[in-house]
Protein backbone atom coordinates (compact mmCIF):
# COMPACT_ATOMS: atom_id res chain seq x y z
CA UNK A 1 0.00 0.00 0.00
CA UNK A 2 2.77 2.46 0.88
CA UNK A 3 4.58 1.57 -2.36
CA UNK A 4 1.53 2.67 -4.35
CA UNK A 5 1.24 5.88 -2.30
CA UNK A 6 4.91 6.70 -2.96
CA UNK A 7 4.47 6.00 -6.69
CA UNK A 8 1.43 8.28 -6.81
CA UNK A 9 3.24 11.02 -4.88
CA UNK A 10 6.25 10.75 -7.20
CA UNK A 11 3.95 11.29 -10.19
CA UNK A 12 2.00 14.24 -8.76
CA UNK A 13 2.74 17.96 -8.84
CA UNK A 14 1.68 18.59 -5.22
CA UNK A 15 0.04 16.82 -2.26
CA UNK A 16 -3.07 17.81 -0.35
CA UNK A 17 -2.86 16.38 3.18
CA UNK A 18 -6.11 16.14 5.16
CA UNK A 19 -4.99 16.55 8.76
CA UNK A 20 -8.16 16.78 10.86
CA UNK A 21 -7.11 13.68 12.79
CA UNK A 22 -3.64 12.50 13.74
CA UNK A 23 -2.34 9.93 11.26
CA UNK A 24 1.22 8.64 11.03
CA UNK A 25 0.71 7.64 7.38
CA UNK A 26 -0.27 11.17 6.40
CA UNK A 27 2.88 12.48 8.04
CA UNK A 28 5.03 9.97 6.20
CA UNK A 29 3.41 10.87 2.88
CA UNK A 30 3.78 14.61 3.53
CA UNK A 31 7.43 14.16 4.50
CA UNK A 32 8.11 12.06 1.42
CA UNK A 33 6.50 14.74 -0.74
CA UNK A 34 8.58 17.50 0.83
CA UNK A 35 11.70 15.35 0.40
CA UNK A 36 10.94 15.24 -3.32
CA UNK A 37 10.62 19.03 -3.35
CA UNK A 38 6.86 18.99 -3.87
CA UNK A 39 4.47 21.50 -2.34
CA UNK A 40 2.27 20.13 0.44
CA UNK A 41 -1.03 21.82 1.28
CA UNK A 42 -2.61 20.93 4.61
CA UNK A 43 -6.36 21.09 5.13
CA UNK A 44 -8.30 20.32 8.29
CA UNK A 45 -11.77 20.68 9.68
CA UNK A 46 -12.23 24.00 11.46
CA UNK A 47 -13.13 22.16 14.70
CA UNK A 48 -10.18 19.75 14.63
CA UNK A 49 -8.45 19.42 18.00
CA UNK A 50 -4.97 19.90 16.58
CA UNK A 51 -3.19 21.26 13.58
CA UNK A 52 0.09 20.68 11.79
CA UNK A 53 2.52 23.56 11.65
CA UNK A 54 3.60 24.23 8.12
CA UNK A 55 7.18 25.30 7.57
CA UNK A 56 7.53 28.27 5.29
CA UNK A 57 11.15 28.99 4.40
CA UNK A 58 10.36 32.62 3.60
CA UNK A 59 9.35 33.11 7.25
CA UNK A 60 12.53 31.66 8.82
PDB file of N, CA and C in Angstrom:
ATOM      1  N   UNK A   1       0.827  -1.189   0.000  1.00  0.00           N
ATOM      2  CA  UNK A   1       0.000   0.000   0.000  1.00  0.00           C
ATOM      3  C   UNK A   1       0.874   1.257   0.000  1.00  0.00           C
ATOM      4  N   UNK A   2       1.908   1.287   0.832  1.00  0.00           N
ATOM      5  CA  UNK A   2       2.766   2.464   0.876  1.00  0.00           C
ATOM      6  C   UNK A   2       3.544   2.620  -0.427  1.00  0.00           C
ATOM      7  N   UNK A   3       3.882   1.488  -1.071  1.00  0.00           N
ATOM      8  CA  UNK A   3       4.582   1.570  -2.360  1.00  0.00           C
ATOM      9  C   UNK A   3       3.726   2.289  -3.398  1.00  0.00           C
ATOM     10  N   UNK A   4       2.436   2.004  -3.411  1.00  0.00           N
ATOM     11  CA  UNK A   4       1.528   2.674  -4.347  1.00  0.00           C
ATOM     12  C   UNK A   4       1.409   4.154  -4.006  1.00  0.00           C
ATOM     13  N   UNK A   5       1.325   4.477  -2.710  1.00  0.00           N
ATOM     14  CA  UNK A   5       1.244   5.882  -2.299  1.00  0.00           C
ATOM     15  C   UNK A   5       2.487   6.641  -2.743  1.00  0.00           C
ATOM     16  N   UNK A   6       3.667   6.036  -2.542  1.00  0.00           N
ATOM     17  CA  UNK A   6       4.909   6.698  -2.957  1.00  0.00           C
ATOM     18  C   UNK A   6       4.963   6.869  -4.469  1.00  0.00           C
ATOM     19  N   UNK A   7       4.493   5.886  -5.226  1.00  0.00           N
ATOM     20  CA  UNK A   7       4.471   5.996  -6.687  1.00  0.00           C
ATOM     21  C   UNK A   7       3.538   7.129  -7.120  1.00  0.00           C
ATOM     22  N   UNK A   8       2.376   7.215  -6.479  1.00  0.00           N
ATOM     23  CA  UNK A   8       1.425   8.278  -6.809  1.00  0.00           C
ATOM     24  C   UNK A   8       1.994   9.648  -6.457  1.00  0.00           C
ATOM     25  N   UNK A   9       2.648   9.750  -5.300  1.00  0.00           N
ATOM     26  CA  UNK A   9       3.244  11.017  -4.882  1.00  0.00           C
ATOM     27  C   UNK A   9       4.358  11.413  -5.846  1.00  0.00           C
ATOM     28  N   UNK A  10       5.155  10.460  -6.268  1.00  0.00           N
ATOM     29  CA  UNK A  10       6.248  10.752  -7.203  1.00  0.00           C
ATOM     30  C   UNK A  10       5.720  11.306  -8.516  1.00  0.00           C
ATOM     31  N   UNK A  11       4.521  10.876  -8.913  1.00  0.00           N
ATOM     32  CA  UNK A  11       3.947  11.289 -10.192  1.00  0.00           C
ATOM     33  C   UNK A  11       3.137  12.583 -10.101  1.00  0.00           C
ATOM     34  N   UNK A  12       2.865  13.058  -8.895  1.00  0.00           N
ATOM     35  CA  UNK A  12       2.005  14.240  -8.762  1.00  0.00           C
ATOM     36  C   UNK A  12       2.816  15.532  -8.720  1.00  0.00           C
ATOM     37  N   UNK A  13       2.111  16.645  -8.910  1.00  0.00           N
ATOM     38  CA  UNK A  13       2.744  17.957  -8.840  1.00  0.00           C
ATOM     39  C   UNK A  13       2.774  18.480  -7.409  1.00  0.00           C
ATOM     40  N   UNK A  14       1.760  18.139  -6.607  1.00  0.00           N
ATOM     41  CA  UNK A  14       1.676  18.586  -5.217  1.00  0.00           C
ATOM     42  C   UNK A  14       0.809  17.600  -4.453  1.00  0.00           C
ATOM     43  N   UNK A  15       0.819  17.714  -3.118  1.00  0.00           N
ATOM     44  CA  UNK A  15       0.039  16.818  -2.265  1.00  0.00           C
ATOM     45  C   UNK A  15      -0.891  17.652  -1.399  1.00  0.00           C
ATOM     46  N   UNK A  16      -2.125  17.209  -1.287  1.00  0.00           N
ATOM     47  CA  UNK A  16      -3.069  17.809  -0.351  1.00  0.00           C
ATOM     48  C   UNK A  16      -3.215  16.818   0.795  1.00  0.00           C
ATOM     49  N   UNK A  17      -2.838  17.251   2.007  1.00  0.00           N
ATOM     50  CA  UNK A  17      -2.865  16.381   3.181  1.00  0.00           C
ATOM     51  C   UNK A  17      -4.019  16.790   4.082  1.00  0.00           C
ATOM     52  N   UNK A  18      -4.976  15.898   4.284  1.00  0.00           N
ATOM     53  CA  UNK A  18      -6.115  16.141   5.159  1.00  0.00           C
ATOM     54  C   UNK A  18      -5.670  15.773   6.570  1.00  0.00           C
ATOM     55  N   UNK A  19      -5.602  16.766   7.454  1.00  0.00           N
ATOM     56  CA  UNK A  19      -4.986  16.552   8.761  1.00  0.00           C
ATOM     57  C   UNK A  19      -5.925  16.827   9.932  1.00  0.00           C
ATOM     58  N   UNK A  20      -7.213  16.557   9.767  1.00  0.00           N
ATOM     59  CA  UNK A  20      -8.161  16.781  10.858  1.00  0.00           C
ATOM     60  C   UNK A  20      -7.927  15.835  12.025  1.00  0.00           C
ATOM     61  N   UNK A  21      -7.415  14.653  11.750  1.00  0.00           N
ATOM     62  CA  UNK A  21      -7.106  13.678  12.792  1.00  0.00           C
ATOM     63  C   UNK A  21      -5.654  13.263  12.651  1.00  0.00           C
ATOM     64  N   UNK A  22      -5.027  12.939  13.775  1.00  0.00           N
ATOM     65  CA  UNK A  22      -3.637  12.503  13.740  1.00  0.00           C
ATOM     66  C   UNK A  22      -3.528  11.203  12.960  1.00  0.00           C
ATOM     67  N   UNK A  23      -2.542  11.128  12.074  1.00  0.00           N
ATOM     68  CA  UNK A  23      -2.339   9.927  11.265  1.00  0.00           C
ATOM     69  C   UNK A  23      -0.864   9.841  10.874  1.00  0.00           C
ATOM     70  N   UNK A  24      -0.197   8.808  11.330  1.00  0.00           N
ATOM     71  CA  UNK A  24       1.222   8.645  11.026  1.00  0.00           C
ATOM     72  C   UNK A  24       1.438   8.543   9.525  1.00  0.00           C
ATOM     73  N   UNK A  25       0.571   7.818   8.827  1.00  0.00           N
ATOM     74  CA  UNK A  25       0.707   7.640   7.379  1.00  0.00           C
ATOM     75  C   UNK A  25       0.682   8.954   6.636  1.00  0.00           C
ATOM     76  N   UNK A  26      -0.198   9.861   7.053  1.00  0.00           N
ATOM     77  CA  UNK A  26      -0.269  11.165   6.402  1.00  0.00           C
ATOM     78  C   UNK A  26       1.031  11.926   6.604  1.00  0.00           C
ATOM     79  N   UNK A  27       1.611  11.815   7.783  1.00  0.00           N
ATOM     80  CA  UNK A  27       2.882  12.479   8.045  1.00  0.00           C
ATOM     81  C   UNK A  27       4.009  11.920   7.204  1.00  0.00           C
ATOM     82  N   UNK A  28       4.013  10.609   7.028  1.00  0.00           N
ATOM     83  CA  UNK A  28       5.032   9.967   6.196  1.00  0.00           C
ATOM     84  C   UNK A  28       4.882  10.431   4.751  1.00  0.00           C
ATOM     85  N   UNK A  29       3.650  10.444   4.260  1.00  0.00           N
ATOM     86  CA  UNK A  29       3.407  10.867   2.879  1.00  0.00           C
ATOM     87  C   UNK A  29       3.775  12.336   2.680  1.00  0.00           C
ATOM     88  N   UNK A  30       3.436  13.198   3.647  1.00  0.00           N
ATOM     89  CA  UNK A  30       3.780  14.615   3.532  1.00  0.00           C
ATOM     90  C   UNK A  30       5.297  14.794   3.557  1.00  0.00           C
ATOM     91  N   UNK A  31       5.976  14.071   4.432  1.00  0.00           N
ATOM     92  CA  UNK A  31       7.432  14.158   4.496  1.00  0.00           C
ATOM     93  C   UNK A  31       8.102  13.663   3.229  1.00  0.00           C
ATOM     94  N   UNK A  32       7.583  12.588   2.673  1.00  0.00           N
ATOM     95  CA  UNK A  32       8.113  12.056   1.416  1.00  0.00           C
ATOM     96  C   UNK A  32       7.940  13.088   0.302  1.00  0.00           C
ATOM     97  N   UNK A  33       6.773  13.711   0.266  1.00  0.00           N
ATOM     98  CA  UNK A  33       6.503  14.742  -0.743  1.00  0.00           C
ATOM     99  C   UNK A  33       7.469  15.906  -0.614  1.00  0.00           C
ATOM    100  N   UNK A  34       7.654  16.378   0.606  1.00  0.00           N
ATOM    101  CA  UNK A  34       8.579  17.496   0.826  1.00  0.00           C
ATOM    102  C   UNK A  34       9.998  17.091   0.461  1.00  0.00           C
ATOM    103  N   UNK A  35      10.370  15.837   0.758  1.00  0.00           N
ATOM    104  CA  UNK A  35      11.696  15.347   0.403  1.00  0.00           C
ATOM    105  C   UNK A  35      11.931  15.350  -1.103  1.00  0.00           C
ATOM    106  N   UNK A  36      10.852  15.188  -1.859  1.00  0.00           N
ATOM    107  CA  UNK A  36      10.943  15.243  -3.323  1.00  0.00           C
ATOM    108  C   UNK A  36      10.864  16.676  -3.848  1.00  0.00           C
ATOM    109  N   UNK A  37      10.707  17.626  -2.940  1.00  0.00           N
ATOM    110  CA  UNK A  37      10.623  19.027  -3.353  1.00  0.00           C
ATOM    111  C   UNK A  37       9.240  19.445  -3.805  1.00  0.00           C
ATOM    112  N   UNK A  38       8.225  18.667  -3.452  1.00  0.00           N
ATOM    113  CA  UNK A  38       6.856  18.985  -3.872  1.00  0.00           C
ATOM    114  C   UNK A  38       6.168  19.843  -2.817  1.00  0.00           C
ATOM    115  N   UNK A  39       5.261  20.675  -3.252  1.00  0.00           N
ATOM    116  CA  UNK A  39       4.473  21.503  -2.337  1.00  0.00           C
ATOM    117  C   UNK A  39       3.436  20.622  -1.638  1.00  0.00           C
ATOM    118  N   UNK A  40       3.273  20.846  -0.348  1.00  0.00           N
ATOM    119  CA  UNK A  40       2.268  20.132   0.440  1.00  0.00           C
ATOM    120  C   UNK A  40       1.300  21.166   0.996  1.00  0.00           C
ATOM    121  N   UNK A  41       0.014  20.956   0.743  1.00  0.00           N
ATOM    122  CA  UNK A  41      -1.029  21.817   1.283  1.00  0.00           C
ATOM    123  C   UNK A  41      -1.797  21.019   2.327  1.00  0.00           C
ATOM    124  N   UNK A  42      -1.909  21.582   3.515  1.00  0.00           N
ATOM    125  CA  UNK A  42      -2.612  20.926   4.609  1.00  0.00           C
ATOM    126  C   UNK A  42      -4.002  21.514   4.734  1.00  0.00           C
ATOM    127  N   UNK A  43      -4.995  20.641   4.865  1.00  0.00           N
ATOM    128  CA  UNK A  43      -6.357  21.090   5.132  1.00  0.00           C
ATOM    129  C   UNK A  43      -6.843  20.346   6.366  1.00  0.00           C
ATOM    130  N   UNK A  44      -7.726  20.968   7.112  1.00  0.00           N
ATOM    131  CA  UNK A  44      -8.304  20.321   8.285  1.00  0.00           C
ATOM    132  C   UNK A  44      -9.662  20.927   8.562  1.00  0.00           C
ATOM    133  N   UNK A  45     -10.471  20.187   9.275  1.00  0.00           N
ATOM    134  CA  UNK A  45     -11.774  20.679   9.679  1.00  0.00           C
ATOM    135  C   UNK A  45     -11.563  21.814  10.673  1.00  0.00           C
ATOM    136  N   UNK A  46     -12.385  22.825  10.605  1.00  0.00           N
ATOM    137  CA  UNK A  46     -12.235  24.000  11.459  1.00  0.00           C
ATOM    138  C   UNK A  46     -12.307  23.636  12.946  1.00  0.00           C
ATOM    139  N   UNK A  47     -13.000  22.570  13.297  1.00  0.00           N
ATOM    140  CA  UNK A  47     -13.129  22.162  14.697  1.00  0.00           C
ATOM    141  C   UNK A  47     -12.156  21.062  15.099  1.00  0.00           C
ATOM    142  N   UNK A  48     -11.157  20.781  14.286  1.00  0.00           N
ATOM    143  CA  UNK A  48     -10.179  19.750  14.628  1.00  0.00           C
ATOM    144  C   UNK A  48      -9.445  20.155  15.904  1.00  0.00           C
ATOM    145  N   UNK A  49      -9.088  19.152  16.718  1.00  0.00           N
ATOM    146  CA  UNK A  49      -8.451  19.421  18.000  1.00  0.00           C
ATOM    147  C   UNK A  49      -6.991  19.844  17.863  1.00  0.00           C
ATOM    148  N   UNK A  50      -6.386  19.576  16.761  1.00  0.00           N
ATOM    149  CA  UNK A  50      -4.974  19.902  16.585  1.00  0.00           C
ATOM    150  C   UNK A  50      -4.735  20.412  15.171  1.00  0.00           C
ATOM    151  N   UNK A  51      -3.563  20.862  14.923  1.00  0.00           N
ATOM    152  CA  UNK A  51      -3.185  21.258  13.576  1.00  0.00           C
ATOM    153  C   UNK A  51      -1.704  20.984  13.387  1.00  0.00           C
ATOM    154  N   UNK A  52      -1.302  20.869  12.145  1.00  0.00           N
ATOM    155  CA  UNK A  52       0.093  20.678  11.793  1.00  0.00           C
ATOM    156  C   UNK A  52       0.682  22.024  11.434  1.00  0.00           C
ATOM    157  N   UNK A  53       1.816  22.321  12.004  1.00  0.00           N
ATOM    158  CA  UNK A  53       2.516  23.559  11.653  1.00  0.00           C
ATOM    159  C   UNK A  53       3.159  23.375  10.285  1.00  0.00           C
ATOM    160  N   UNK A  54       2.967  24.309   9.423  1.00  0.00           N
ATOM    161  CA  UNK A  54       3.604  24.229   8.115  1.00  0.00           C
ATOM    162  C   UNK A  54       4.834  25.110   8.103  1.00  0.00           C
ATOM    163  N   UNK A  55       5.914  24.571   7.650  1.00  0.00           N
ATOM    164  CA  UNK A  55       7.175  25.304   7.566  1.00  0.00           C
ATOM    165  C   UNK A  55       7.193  26.114   6.298  1.00  0.00           C
ATOM    166  N   UNK A  56       7.438  27.379   6.433  1.00  0.00           N
ATOM    167  CA  UNK A  56       7.534  28.265   5.290  1.00  0.00           C
ATOM    168  C   UNK A  56       8.912  28.898   5.301  1.00  0.00           C
ATOM    169  N   UNK A  57       9.781  28.478   4.402  1.00  0.00           N
ATOM    170  CA  UNK A  57      11.148  28.991   4.402  1.00  0.00           C
ATOM    171  C   UNK A  57      11.242  30.506   4.361  1.00  0.00           C
ATOM    172  N   UNK A  58      10.291  31.171   3.704  1.00  0.00           N
ATOM    173  CA  UNK A  58      10.365  32.621   3.601  1.00  0.00           C
ATOM    174  C   UNK A  58      10.117  33.296   4.946  1.00  0.00           C
ATOM    175  N   UNK A  59       9.608  32.538   5.943  1.00  0.00           N
ATOM    176  CA  UNK A  59       9.354  33.111   7.254  1.00  0.00           C
ATOM    177  C   UNK A  59      10.466  32.804   8.254  1.00  0.00           C
ATOM    178  N   UNK A  60      11.480  32.039   7.865  1.00  0.00           N
ATOM    179  CA  UNK A  60      12.525  31.663   8.817  1.00  0.00           C
ATOM    180  C   UNK A  60      13.579  32.727   8.961  1.00  0.00           C
TER     181      UNK A  60
END
